[in-house]
């Protein structure tokens, strides 16, 4: 499809412009950011889970 070709071109252009090392560095930065936000999300879920459990024990 059209999008795949564009993505391929974009990746190729990016790697050519910045070099492989720089491209990998940028990808790593994006991965780190994603991981951070995922950890934050996991922490929120954990806290909510504990709250729900605590509310449950309080009612009994």
N, C-alpha and C. Protein backbone atom coordinates (compact mmCIF):
# COMPACT_ATOMS: atom_id res chain seq x y z
N UNK A 1 0.77 -1.20 0.00
CA UNK A 1 0.00 0.00 0.00
C UNK A 1 0.82 1.27 0.00
N UNK A 2 0.10 2.34 -0.09
CA UNK A 2 0.67 3.68 -0.18
C UNK A 2 1.45 4.03 1.09
N UNK A 3 0.85 3.76 2.25
CA UNK A 3 1.47 4.12 3.53
C UNK A 3 2.78 3.39 3.76
N UNK A 4 2.78 2.08 3.42
CA UNK A 4 4.00 1.29 3.63
C UNK A 4 5.15 1.86 2.82
N UNK A 5 4.87 2.21 1.57
CA UNK A 5 5.91 2.78 0.71
C UNK A 5 6.43 4.09 1.30
N UNK A 6 5.53 4.90 1.78
CA UNK A 6 5.91 6.18 2.38
C UNK A 6 6.77 5.96 3.62
N UNK A 7 6.37 5.00 4.44
CA UNK A 7 7.12 4.70 5.66
C UNK A 7 8.52 4.22 5.32
N UNK A 8 8.60 3.36 4.32
CA UNK A 8 9.91 2.85 3.88
C UNK A 8 10.78 4.01 3.41
N UNK A 9 10.22 4.87 2.59
CA UNK A 9 10.95 6.04 2.08
C UNK A 9 11.39 6.92 3.25
N UNK A 10 10.49 7.13 4.18
CA UNK A 10 10.79 7.97 5.34
C UNK A 10 11.94 7.40 6.15
N UNK A 11 11.89 6.10 6.41
CA UNK A 11 12.94 5.45 7.18
C UNK A 11 14.27 5.56 6.45
N UNK A 12 14.22 5.30 5.14
CA UNK A 12 15.44 5.33 4.34
C UNK A 12 16.04 6.74 4.36
N UNK A 13 15.18 7.73 4.19
CA UNK A 13 15.62 9.12 4.17
C UNK A 13 16.23 9.49 5.52
N UNK A 14 15.55 9.11 6.59
CA UNK A 14 16.00 9.42 7.94
C UNK A 14 17.37 8.83 8.21
N UNK A 15 17.52 7.54 7.87
CA UNK A 15 18.79 6.85 8.08
C UNK A 15 19.90 7.48 7.24
N UNK A 16 19.54 7.90 6.03
CA UNK A 16 20.53 8.52 5.15
C UNK A 16 20.94 9.89 5.68
N UNK A 17 19.96 10.64 6.17
CA UNK A 17 20.21 11.99 6.66
C UNK A 17 21.04 11.99 7.94
N UNK A 18 20.68 11.13 8.86
CA UNK A 18 21.29 11.17 10.19
C UNK A 18 22.30 10.05 10.44
N UNK A 19 22.30 9.05 9.55
CA UNK A 19 23.19 7.91 9.77
C UNK A 19 22.54 6.89 10.67
N UNK A 20 23.00 5.65 10.57
CA UNK A 20 22.38 4.54 11.28
C UNK A 20 22.43 4.74 12.79
N UNK A 21 23.58 5.17 13.30
CA UNK A 21 23.76 5.34 14.74
C UNK A 21 22.77 6.33 15.32
N UNK A 22 22.64 7.47 14.65
CA UNK A 22 21.74 8.52 15.10
C UNK A 22 20.29 8.03 15.07
N UNK A 23 19.94 7.32 14.00
CA UNK A 23 18.59 6.79 13.87
C UNK A 23 18.27 5.85 15.02
N UNK A 24 19.20 4.95 15.33
CA UNK A 24 19.00 4.00 16.42
C UNK A 24 18.88 4.72 17.75
N UNK A 25 19.66 5.79 17.91
CA UNK A 25 19.63 6.60 19.13
C UNK A 25 18.24 7.20 19.33
N UNK A 26 17.70 7.76 18.25
CA UNK A 26 16.37 8.38 18.30
C UNK A 26 15.30 7.34 18.61
N UNK A 27 15.41 6.18 17.96
CA UNK A 27 14.46 5.10 18.21
C UNK A 27 14.52 4.69 19.68
N UNK A 28 15.73 4.59 20.22
CA UNK A 28 15.91 4.21 21.62
C UNK A 28 15.25 5.24 22.54
N UNK A 29 15.42 6.52 22.20
CA UNK A 29 14.80 7.58 23.00
C UNK A 29 13.28 7.42 23.03
N UNK A 30 12.71 7.14 21.86
CA UNK A 30 11.26 6.95 21.77
C UNK A 30 10.84 5.74 22.58
N UNK A 31 11.63 4.66 22.52
CA UNK A 31 11.32 3.45 23.27
C UNK A 31 11.38 3.72 24.77
N UNK A 32 12.38 4.48 25.20
CA UNK A 32 12.53 4.82 26.61
C UNK A 32 11.33 5.63 27.10
N UNK A 33 10.90 6.60 26.29
CA UNK A 33 9.74 7.42 26.64
C UNK A 33 8.50 6.55 26.78
N UNK A 34 8.34 5.64 25.82
CA UNK A 34 7.18 4.75 25.83
C UNK A 34 7.21 3.86 27.07
N UNK A 35 8.40 3.37 27.39
CA UNK A 35 8.56 2.50 28.55
C UNK A 35 8.21 3.26 29.83
N UNK A 36 8.67 4.50 29.92
CA UNK A 36 8.39 5.33 31.09
C UNK A 36 6.89 5.52 31.28
N UNK A 37 6.18 5.86 30.21
CA UNK A 37 4.75 6.10 30.31
C UNK A 37 4.00 4.80 30.62
N UNK A 38 4.53 3.68 30.11
CA UNK A 38 3.92 2.38 30.41
C UNK A 38 4.11 2.04 31.88
N UNK A 39 5.29 2.33 32.42
CA UNK A 39 5.56 2.09 33.84
C UNK A 39 4.65 2.94 34.70
N UNK A 40 4.46 4.20 34.28
CA UNK A 40 3.57 5.11 35.00
C UNK A 40 2.15 4.57 35.02
N UNK A 41 1.73 4.05 33.87
CA UNK A 41 0.40 3.48 33.74
C UNK A 41 0.25 2.26 34.64
N UNK A 42 1.26 1.39 34.63
CA UNK A 42 1.25 0.17 35.43
C UNK A 42 1.17 0.53 36.91
N UNK A 43 1.89 1.58 37.30
CA UNK A 43 1.89 2.03 38.69
C UNK A 43 0.50 2.51 39.10
N UNK A 44 -0.15 3.28 38.22
CA UNK A 44 -1.49 3.78 38.50
C UNK A 44 -2.46 2.63 38.68
N UNK A 45 -2.35 1.63 37.82
CA UNK A 45 -3.23 0.46 37.90
C UNK A 45 -3.00 -0.27 39.22
N UNK A 46 -1.72 -0.38 39.59
CA UNK A 46 -1.35 -1.05 40.84
C UNK A 46 -1.96 -0.32 42.03
N UNK A 47 -1.85 1.00 42.04
CA UNK A 47 -2.39 1.81 43.13
C UNK A 47 -3.90 1.68 43.19
N UNK A 48 -4.56 1.74 42.03
CA UNK A 48 -6.01 1.57 41.97
C UNK A 48 -6.42 0.21 42.51
N UNK A 49 -5.65 -0.81 42.11
CA UNK A 49 -5.92 -2.17 42.54
C UNK A 49 -5.86 -2.27 44.06
N UNK A 50 -4.83 -1.65 44.64
CA UNK A 50 -4.66 -1.66 46.10
C UNK A 50 -5.81 -0.92 46.77
N UNK A 51 -6.22 0.19 46.18
CA UNK A 51 -7.33 0.97 46.73
C UNK A 51 -8.61 0.15 46.75
N UNK A 52 -8.89 -0.52 45.64
CA UNK A 52 -10.10 -1.34 45.53
C UNK A 52 -10.07 -2.46 46.57
N UNK A 53 -8.91 -3.09 46.70
CA UNK A 53 -8.75 -4.16 47.69
C UNK A 53 -8.97 -3.62 49.10
N UNK A 54 -8.41 -2.45 49.37
CA UNK A 54 -8.53 -1.83 50.69
C UNK A 54 -9.98 -1.48 50.98
N UNK A 55 -10.68 -0.92 49.98
CA UNK A 55 -12.09 -0.59 50.13
C UNK A 55 -12.90 -1.85 50.43
N UNK A 56 -12.54 -2.93 49.75
CA UNK A 56 -13.23 -4.21 49.94
C UNK A 56 -13.08 -4.74 51.36
N UNK A 57 -11.87 -4.65 51.89
CA UNK A 57 -11.62 -5.16 53.24
C UNK A 57 -12.28 -4.27 54.28
N UNK A 58 -12.40 -2.99 53.99
CA UNK A 58 -12.98 -2.04 54.93
C UNK A 58 -14.47 -2.30 55.12
N UNK A 59 -15.14 -2.72 54.03
CA UNK A 59 -16.58 -2.95 54.09
C UNK A 59 -16.93 -4.16 54.94
N UNK A 60 -16.06 -5.17 54.93
CA UNK A 60 -16.38 -6.45 55.61
C UNK A 60 -16.38 -6.33 57.11
